[in-house]
All heavy atoms as atom14 arrays in JSON, in Angstrom:
{
  "sequence": "QLLHTIGLVKKRLNPNLDVEGVVFTMYDARTNLSLQV",
  "atom14_mask": [
    [1, 1, 1, 1, 1, 1, 1, 1, 1, 0, 0, 0, 0, 0],
    [1, 1, 1, 1, 1, 1, 1, 1, 0, 0, 0, 0, 0, 0],
    [1, 1, 1, 1, 1, 1, 1, 1, 0, 0, 0, 0, 0, 0],
    [1, 1, 1, 1, 1, 1, 1, 1, 1, 1, 0, 0, 0, 0],
    [1, 1, 1, 1, 1, 1, 1, 0, 0, 0, 0, 0, 0, 0],
    [1, 1, 1, 1, 1, 1, 1, 1, 0, 0, 0, 0, 0, 0],
    [1, 1, 1, 1, 0, 0, 0, 0, 0, 0, 0, 0, 0, 0],
    [1, 1, 1, 1, 1, 1, 1, 1, 0, 0, 0, 0, 0, 0],
    [1, 1, 1, 1, 1, 1, 1, 0, 0, 0, 0, 0, 0, 0],
    [1, 1, 1, 1, 1, 1, 1, 1, 1, 0, 0, 0, 0, 0],
    [1, 1, 1, 1, 1, 1, 1, 1, 1, 0, 0, 0, 0, 0],
    [1, 1, 1, 1, 1, 1, 1, 1, 1, 1, 1, 0, 0, 0],
    [1, 1, 1, 1, 1, 1, 1, 1, 0, 0, 0, 0, 0, 0],
    [1, 1, 1, 1, 1, 1, 1, 1, 0, 0, 0, 0, 0, 0],
    [1, 1, 1, 1, 1, 1, 1, 0, 0, 0, 0, 0, 0, 0],
    [1, 1, 1, 1, 1, 1, 1, 1, 0, 0, 0, 0, 0, 0],
    [1, 1, 1, 1, 1, 1, 1, 1, 0, 0, 0, 0, 0, 0],
    [1, 1, 1, 1, 1, 1, 1, 1, 0, 0, 0, 0, 0, 0],
    [1, 1, 1, 1, 1, 1, 1, 0, 0, 0, 0, 0, 0, 0],
    [1, 1, 1, 1, 1, 1, 1, 1, 1, 0, 0, 0, 0, 0],
    [1, 1, 1, 1, 0, 0, 0, 0, 0, 0, 0, 0, 0, 0],
    [1, 1, 1, 1, 1, 1, 1, 0, 0, 0, 0, 0, 0, 0],
    [1, 1, 1, 1, 1, 1, 1, 0, 0, 0, 0, 0, 0, 0],
    [1, 1, 1, 1, 1, 1, 1, 1, 1, 1, 1, 0, 0, 0],
    [1, 1, 1, 1, 1, 1, 1, 0, 0, 0, 0, 0, 0, 0],
    [1, 1, 1, 1, 1, 1, 1, 1, 0, 0, 0, 0, 0, 0],
    [1, 1, 1, 1, 1, 1, 1, 1, 1, 1, 1, 1, 0, 0],
    [1, 1, 1, 1, 1, 1, 1, 1, 0, 0, 0, 0, 0, 0],
    [1, 1, 1, 1, 1, 0, 0, 0, 0, 0, 0, 0, 0, 0],
    [1, 1, 1, 1, 1, 1, 1, 1, 1, 1, 1, 0, 0, 0],
    [1, 1, 1, 1, 1, 1, 1, 0, 0, 0, 0, 0, 0, 0],
    [1, 1, 1, 1, 1, 1, 1, 1, 0, 0, 0, 0, 0, 0],
    [1, 1, 1, 1, 1, 1, 1, 1, 0, 0, 0, 0, 0, 0],
    [1, 1, 1, 1, 1, 1, 0, 0, 0, 0, 0, 0, 0, 0],
    [1, 1, 1, 1, 1, 1, 1, 1, 0, 0, 0, 0, 0, 0],
    [1, 1, 1, 1, 1, 1, 1, 1, 1, 0, 0, 0, 0, 0],
    [1, 1, 1, 1, 1, 1, 1, 0, 0, 0, 0, 0, 0, 0]
  ],
  "atom14_positions": [
    [[108.45, 159.06, 89.59], [107.87, 159.44, 90.88], [106.35, 159.2, 90.87], [105.78, 158.7, 91.84], [108.17, 160.92, 91.14], [107.93, 161.33, 92.59], [108.16, 162.83, 92.79], [108.69, 163.51, 91.94], [107.74, 163.32, 93.94], [0.0, 0.0, 0.0], [0.0, 0.0, 0.0], [0.0, 0.0, 0.0], [0.0, 0.0, 0.0], [0.0, 0.0, 0.0]],
    [[105.73, 159.57, 89.76], [104.28, 159.38, 89.63], [103.93, 157.89, 89.68], [103.0, 157.48, 90.37], [103.78, 160.0, 88.33], [102.28, 159.82, 88.07], [101.45, 160.65, 89.05], [101.92, 160.2, 86.65], [0.0, 0.0, 0.0], [0.0, 0.0, 0.0], [0.0, 0.0, 0.0], [0.0, 0.0, 0.0], [0.0, 0.0, 0.0], [0.0, 0.0, 0.0]],
    [[104.68, 157.07, 88.95], [104.42, 155.63, 88.93], [104.62, 155.02, 90.32], [103.9, 154.11, 90.73], [105.3, 154.93, 87.89], [105.0, 155.33, 86.43], [106.01, 154.71, 85.48], [103.59, 154.91, 86.02], [0.0, 0.0, 0.0], [0.0, 0.0, 0.0], [0.0, 0.0, 0.0], [0.0, 0.0, 0.0], [0.0, 0.0, 0.0], [0.0, 0.0, 0.0]],
    [[105.6, 155.57, 91.05], [105.84, 155.13, 92.43], [104.62, 155.46, 93.3], [104.15, 154.63, 94.09], [107.1, 155.82, 92.99], [107.38, 155.49, 94.41], [107.71, 154.22, 94.83], [107.35, 156.27, 95.53], [107.88, 154.23, 96.15], [107.67, 155.45, 96.6], [0.0, 0.0, 0.0], [0.0, 0.0, 0.0], [0.0, 0.0, 0.0], [0.0, 0.0, 0.0]],
    [[104.07, 156.68, 93.14], [102.88, 157.09, 93.89], [101.69, 156.2, 93.56], [100.95, 155.76, 94.45], [102.53, 158.56, 93.59], [103.66, 159.36, 93.9], [101.34, 159.03, 94.41], [0.0, 0.0, 0.0], [0.0, 0.0, 0.0], [0.0, 0.0, 0.0], [0.0, 0.0, 0.0], [0.0, 0.0, 0.0], [0.0, 0.0, 0.0], [0.0, 0.0, 0.0]],
    [[101.49, 155.94, 92.27], [100.39, 155.06, 91.86], [100.55, 153.69, 92.52], [99.59, 153.11, 93.03], [100.34, 154.93, 90.31], [99.98, 156.28, 89.68], [99.33, 153.85, 89.89], [100.15, 156.35, 88.17], [0.0, 0.0, 0.0], [0.0, 0.0, 0.0], [0.0, 0.0, 0.0], [0.0, 0.0, 0.0], [0.0, 0.0, 0.0], [0.0, 0.0, 0.0]],
    [[101.81, 153.21, 92.56], [102.11, 151.92, 93.2], [101.75, 151.93, 94.69], [101.18, 150.96, 95.21], [0.0, 0.0, 0.0], [0.0, 0.0, 0.0], [0.0, 0.0, 0.0], [0.0, 0.0, 0.0], [0.0, 0.0, 0.0], [0.0, 0.0, 0.0], [0.0, 0.0, 0.0], [0.0, 0.0, 0.0], [0.0, 0.0, 0.0], [0.0, 0.0, 0.0]],
    [[102.07, 153.04, 95.36], [101.77, 153.16, 96.8], [100.26, 153.19, 97.05], [99.76, 152.53, 97.97], [102.39, 154.45, 97.37], [103.88, 154.43, 97.69], [104.32, 155.8, 98.2], [104.2, 153.37, 98.74], [0.0, 0.0, 0.0], [0.0, 0.0, 0.0], [0.0, 0.0, 0.0], [0.0, 0.0, 0.0], [0.0, 0.0, 0.0], [0.0, 0.0, 0.0]],
    [[99.55, 153.96, 96.22], [98.1, 154.05, 96.38], [97.47, 152.67, 96.15], [96.58, 152.24, 96.88], [97.49, 155.1, 95.41], [95.96, 155.05, 95.42], [97.96, 156.5, 95.78], [0.0, 0.0, 0.0], [0.0, 0.0, 0.0], [0.0, 0.0, 0.0], [0.0, 0.0, 0.0], [0.0, 0.0, 0.0], [0.0, 0.0, 0.0], [0.0, 0.0, 0.0]],
    [[97.98, 151.97, 95.14], [97.47, 150.62, 94.83], [97.7, 149.67, 96.01], [96.84, 148.89, 96.38], [98.19, 150.11, 93.58], [97.68, 148.75, 93.07], [98.43, 148.35, 91.8], [98.13, 146.93, 91.39], [96.83, 146.76, 90.74], [0.0, 0.0, 0.0], [0.0, 0.0, 0.0], [0.0, 0.0, 0.0], [0.0, 0.0, 0.0], [0.0, 0.0, 0.0]],
    [[98.88, 149.78, 96.61], [99.25, 148.87, 97.7], [98.45, 149.15, 98.98], [98.02, 148.25, 99.67], [100.76, 149.06, 97.97], [101.38, 147.98, 98.83], [102.89, 148.1, 98.73], [103.56, 147.7, 100.03], [104.99, 148.04, 100.01], [0.0, 0.0, 0.0], [0.0, 0.0, 0.0], [0.0, 0.0, 0.0], [0.0, 0.0, 0.0], [0.0, 0.0, 0.0]],
    [[98.25, 150.44, 99.27], [97.7, 150.8, 100.58], [96.24, 151.23, 100.58], [95.56, 151.12, 101.58], [98.53, 151.93, 101.19], [99.96, 151.48, 101.45], [100.78, 152.54, 102.11], [102.17, 152.08, 102.23], [103.19, 152.86, 102.48], [103.0, 154.14, 102.64], [104.41, 152.38, 102.59], [0.0, 0.0, 0.0], [0.0, 0.0, 0.0], [0.0, 0.0, 0.0]],
    [[95.77, 151.8, 99.45], [94.45, 152.44, 99.49], [93.46, 151.91, 98.45], [92.26, 151.88, 98.69], [94.6, 153.96, 99.28], [95.44, 154.72, 100.31], [95.73, 156.13, 99.82], [94.74, 154.77, 101.66], [0.0, 0.0, 0.0], [0.0, 0.0, 0.0], [0.0, 0.0, 0.0], [0.0, 0.0, 0.0], [0.0, 0.0, 0.0], [0.0, 0.0, 0.0]],
    [[93.95, 151.55, 97.27], [93.04, 151.13, 96.19], [93.69, 150.0, 95.38], [94.32, 150.24, 94.35], [92.72, 152.33, 95.28], [91.78, 151.97, 94.14], [91.28, 150.85, 94.08], [91.54, 152.91, 93.24], [0.0, 0.0, 0.0], [0.0, 0.0, 0.0], [0.0, 0.0, 0.0], [0.0, 0.0, 0.0], [0.0, 0.0, 0.0], [0.0, 0.0, 0.0]],
    [[93.51, 148.75, 95.86], [94.18, 147.62, 95.2], [93.79, 147.41, 93.74], [94.48, 146.73, 92.99], [93.75, 146.41, 96.05], [92.61, 146.87, 96.88], [92.72, 148.34, 97.02], [0.0, 0.0, 0.0], [0.0, 0.0, 0.0], [0.0, 0.0, 0.0], [0.0, 0.0, 0.0], [0.0, 0.0, 0.0], [0.0, 0.0, 0.0], [0.0, 0.0, 0.0]],
    [[92.68, 148.04, 93.32], [92.21, 147.86, 91.94], [92.79, 148.87, 90.96], [92.51, 148.82, 89.77], [90.68, 147.95, 91.89], [90.03, 146.89, 92.77], [90.51, 145.77, 92.81], [88.98, 147.26, 93.47], [0.0, 0.0, 0.0], [0.0, 0.0, 0.0], [0.0, 0.0, 0.0], [0.0, 0.0, 0.0], [0.0, 0.0, 0.0], [0.0, 0.0, 0.0]],
    [[93.62, 149.8, 91.46], [94.14, 150.87, 90.6], [95.18, 150.35, 89.61], [96.07, 149.59, 89.98], [94.76, 151.98, 91.46], [95.19, 153.25, 90.73], [93.98, 154.0, 90.17], [95.98, 154.17, 91.66], [0.0, 0.0, 0.0], [0.0, 0.0, 0.0], [0.0, 0.0, 0.0], [0.0, 0.0, 0.0], [0.0, 0.0, 0.0], [0.0, 0.0, 0.0]],
    [[95.05, 150.76, 88.36], [96.03, 150.4, 87.33], [96.41, 151.63, 86.52], [95.7, 152.63, 86.55], [95.46, 149.33, 86.39], [95.6, 147.94, 86.99], [96.68, 147.62, 87.5], [94.6, 147.19, 86.97], [0.0, 0.0, 0.0], [0.0, 0.0, 0.0], [0.0, 0.0, 0.0], [0.0, 0.0, 0.0], [0.0, 0.0, 0.0], [0.0, 0.0, 0.0]],
    [[97.49, 151.5, 85.76], [97.86, 152.57, 84.83], [97.11, 152.32, 83.52], [97.26, 151.27, 82.91], [99.38, 152.61, 84.59], [99.72, 153.69, 83.55], [100.12, 152.88, 85.89], [0.0, 0.0, 0.0], [0.0, 0.0, 0.0], [0.0, 0.0, 0.0], [0.0, 0.0, 0.0], [0.0, 0.0, 0.0], [0.0, 0.0, 0.0], [0.0, 0.0, 0.0]],
    [[96.27, 153.27, 83.15], [95.51, 153.19, 81.91], [96.47, 153.21, 80.72], [96.35, 152.46, 79.77], [94.55, 154.39, 81.83], [93.81, 154.56, 80.54], [92.58, 153.69, 80.44], [92.1, 153.19, 81.46], [92.11, 153.5, 79.32], [0.0, 0.0, 0.0], [0.0, 0.0, 0.0], [0.0, 0.0, 0.0], [0.0, 0.0, 0.0], [0.0, 0.0, 0.0]],
    [[97.46, 154.12, 80.81], [98.43, 154.24, 79.74], [99.03, 155.63, 79.71], [98.6, 156.53, 80.42], [0.0, 0.0, 0.0], [0.0, 0.0, 0.0], [0.0, 0.0, 0.0], [0.0, 0.0, 0.0], [0.0, 0.0, 0.0], [0.0, 0.0, 0.0], [0.0, 0.0, 0.0], [0.0, 0.0, 0.0], [0.0, 0.0, 0.0], [0.0, 0.0, 0.0]],
    [[100.02, 155.78, 78.86], [100.7, 157.06, 78.68], [100.26, 157.63, 77.33], [100.17, 156.9, 76.34], [102.23, 156.84, 78.7], [102.97, 158.06, 78.19], [102.69, 156.48, 80.1], [0.0, 0.0, 0.0], [0.0, 0.0, 0.0], [0.0, 0.0, 0.0], [0.0, 0.0, 0.0], [0.0, 0.0, 0.0], [0.0, 0.0, 0.0], [0.0, 0.0, 0.0]],
    [[99.96, 158.92, 77.31], [99.64, 159.57, 76.03], [100.6, 160.74, 75.82], [100.82, 161.54, 76.71], [98.16, 160.01, 75.96], [97.8, 161.02, 77.03], [97.83, 160.57, 74.59], [0.0, 0.0, 0.0], [0.0, 0.0, 0.0], [0.0, 0.0, 0.0], [0.0, 0.0, 0.0], [0.0, 0.0, 0.0], [0.0, 0.0, 0.0], [0.0, 0.0, 0.0]],
    [[101.21, 160.77, 74.65], [102.17, 161.84, 74.34], [101.43, 163.09, 73.86], [100.53, 163.01, 73.03], [103.15, 161.39, 73.25], [104.08, 160.33, 73.72], [103.91, 159.0, 73.32], [105.13, 160.63, 74.57], [104.77, 158.01, 73.77], [105.99, 159.65, 75.02], [105.81, 158.34, 74.62], [0.0, 0.0, 0.0], [0.0, 0.0, 0.0], [0.0, 0.0, 0.0]],
    [[101.82, 164.25, 74.41], [101.18, 165.51, 74.03], [102.25, 166.48, 73.49], [103.44, 166.28, 73.7], [100.51, 166.16, 75.24], [101.5, 166.43, 76.24], [99.44, 165.25, 75.85], [0.0, 0.0, 0.0], [0.0, 0.0, 0.0], [0.0, 0.0, 0.0], [0.0, 0.0, 0.0], [0.0, 0.0, 0.0], [0.0, 0.0, 0.0], [0.0, 0.0, 0.0]],
    [[101.76, 167.53, 72.83], [102.63, 168.61, 72.33], [103.76, 168.07, 71.45], [104.9, 168.5, 71.55], [103.21, 169.42, 73.5], [102.13, 169.96, 74.41], [102.78, 170.94, 75.76], [101.46, 170.81, 76.94], [0.0, 0.0, 0.0], [0.0, 0.0, 0.0], [0.0, 0.0, 0.0], [0.0, 0.0, 0.0], [0.0, 0.0, 0.0], [0.0, 0.0, 0.0]],
    [[103.39, 167.13, 70.6], [104.38, 166.51, 69.71], [104.65, 167.44, 68.53], [103.71, 167.91, 67.88], [103.84, 165.17, 69.21], [104.78, 164.41, 68.32], [105.79, 163.63, 68.84], [104.66, 164.48, 66.92], [106.66, 162.93, 68.02], [105.52, 163.79, 66.09], [106.52, 163.02, 66.65], [107.39, 162.33, 65.84], [0.0, 0.0, 0.0], [0.0, 0.0, 0.0]],
    [[105.9, 167.69, 68.27], [106.28, 168.54, 67.14], [107.06, 167.68, 66.14], [108.22, 167.32, 66.37], [107.15, 169.71, 67.63], [107.39, 170.73, 66.52], [107.2, 170.39, 65.34], [107.77, 171.87, 66.85], [0.0, 0.0, 0.0], [0.0, 0.0, 0.0], [0.0, 0.0, 0.0], [0.0, 0.0, 0.0], [0.0, 0.0, 0.0], [0.0, 0.0, 0.0]],
    [[106.4, 167.37, 65.03], [106.99, 166.46, 64.04], [108.26, 167.04, 63.4], [109.06, 166.31, 62.82], [105.97, 166.15, 62.96], [0.0, 0.0, 0.0], [0.0, 0.0, 0.0], [0.0, 0.0, 0.0], [0.0, 0.0, 0.0], [0.0, 0.0, 0.0], [0.0, 0.0, 0.0], [0.0, 0.0, 0.0], [0.0, 0.0, 0.0], [0.0, 0.0, 0.0]],
    [[108.47, 168.37, 63.56], [109.64, 168.98, 62.9], [110.92, 168.78, 63.71], [112.0, 169.07, 63.22], [109.39, 170.48, 62.71], [108.23, 170.8, 61.79], [107.83, 172.25, 61.91], [107.52, 172.59, 63.3], [107.16, 173.81, 63.7], [107.07, 174.79, 62.83], [106.89, 174.05, 64.97], [0.0, 0.0, 0.0], [0.0, 0.0, 0.0], [0.0, 0.0, 0.0]],
    [[110.8, 168.35, 64.96], [112.01, 168.22, 65.79], [112.37, 166.76, 66.02], [111.5, 165.91, 66.2], [111.8, 168.89, 67.17], [110.79, 168.16, 67.88], [111.38, 170.34, 67.04], [0.0, 0.0, 0.0], [0.0, 0.0, 0.0], [0.0, 0.0, 0.0], [0.0, 0.0, 0.0], [0.0, 0.0, 0.0], [0.0, 0.0, 0.0], [0.0, 0.0, 0.0]],
    [[113.67, 166.52, 66.02], [114.14, 165.18, 66.36], [113.86, 164.85, 67.81], [113.67, 163.69, 68.17], [115.66, 165.08, 66.12], [115.97, 164.95, 64.63], [115.15, 164.43, 63.88], [117.12, 165.44, 64.21], [0.0, 0.0, 0.0], [0.0, 0.0, 0.0], [0.0, 0.0, 0.0], [0.0, 0.0, 0.0], [0.0, 0.0, 0.0], [0.0, 0.0, 0.0]],
    [[113.85, 165.9, 68.65], [113.68, 165.68, 70.09], [112.36, 164.97, 70.39], [112.33, 164.01, 71.16], [113.73, 167.02, 70.85], [113.55, 166.91, 72.37], [114.68, 166.1, 72.99], [113.49, 168.29, 73.01], [0.0, 0.0, 0.0], [0.0, 0.0, 0.0], [0.0, 0.0, 0.0], [0.0, 0.0, 0.0], [0.0, 0.0, 0.0], [0.0, 0.0, 0.0]],
    [[111.27, 165.43, 69.77], [109.96, 164.8, 70.01], [110.02, 163.31, 69.71], [109.54, 162.48, 70.48], [108.88, 165.45, 69.15], [108.45, 166.67, 69.72], [0.0, 0.0, 0.0], [0.0, 0.0, 0.0], [0.0, 0.0, 0.0], [0.0, 0.0, 0.0], [0.0, 0.0, 0.0], [0.0, 0.0, 0.0], [0.0, 0.0, 0.0], [0.0, 0.0, 0.0]],
    [[110.62, 162.99, 68.58], [110.75, 161.59, 68.17], [111.59, 160.79, 69.18], [111.24, 159.68, 69.57], [111.39, 161.53, 66.79], [111.34, 160.18, 66.06], [109.9, 159.76, 65.82], [112.1, 160.26, 64.74], [0.0, 0.0, 0.0], [0.0, 0.0, 0.0], [0.0, 0.0, 0.0], [0.0, 0.0, 0.0], [0.0, 0.0, 0.0], [0.0, 0.0, 0.0]],
    [[112.69, 161.41, 69.63], [113.58, 160.74, 70.59], [112.87, 160.46, 71.91], [113.02, 159.39, 72.51], [114.82, 161.6, 70.86], [115.85, 161.53, 69.73], [116.9, 162.64, 69.87], [116.89, 163.41, 70.82], [117.78, 162.72, 68.9], [0.0, 0.0, 0.0], [0.0, 0.0, 0.0], [0.0, 0.0, 0.0], [0.0, 0.0, 0.0], [0.0, 0.0, 0.0]],
    [[112.09, 161.45, 72.38], [111.37, 161.28, 73.65], [110.39, 160.11, 73.55], [110.33, 159.26, 74.43], [110.61, 162.59, 74.05], [109.67, 162.34, 75.22], [111.6, 163.68, 74.4], [0.0, 0.0, 0.0], [0.0, 0.0, 0.0], [0.0, 0.0, 0.0], [0.0, 0.0, 0.0], [0.0, 0.0, 0.0], [0.0, 0.0, 0.0], [0.0, 0.0, 0.0]]
  ]
}
C-alpha cells in the first residue's frame, strides 16, 4: 500500500520521488521468524 502511494505521489505530484530503500528494524537473531521476514 505504501509503495502504491509513493507511486501515486511520483506520478501526480513529485516526479522526482524515489524509494531510498528498505531498512529492517527490531531484528531478533534468536528467532527464525526474523530471518524468514
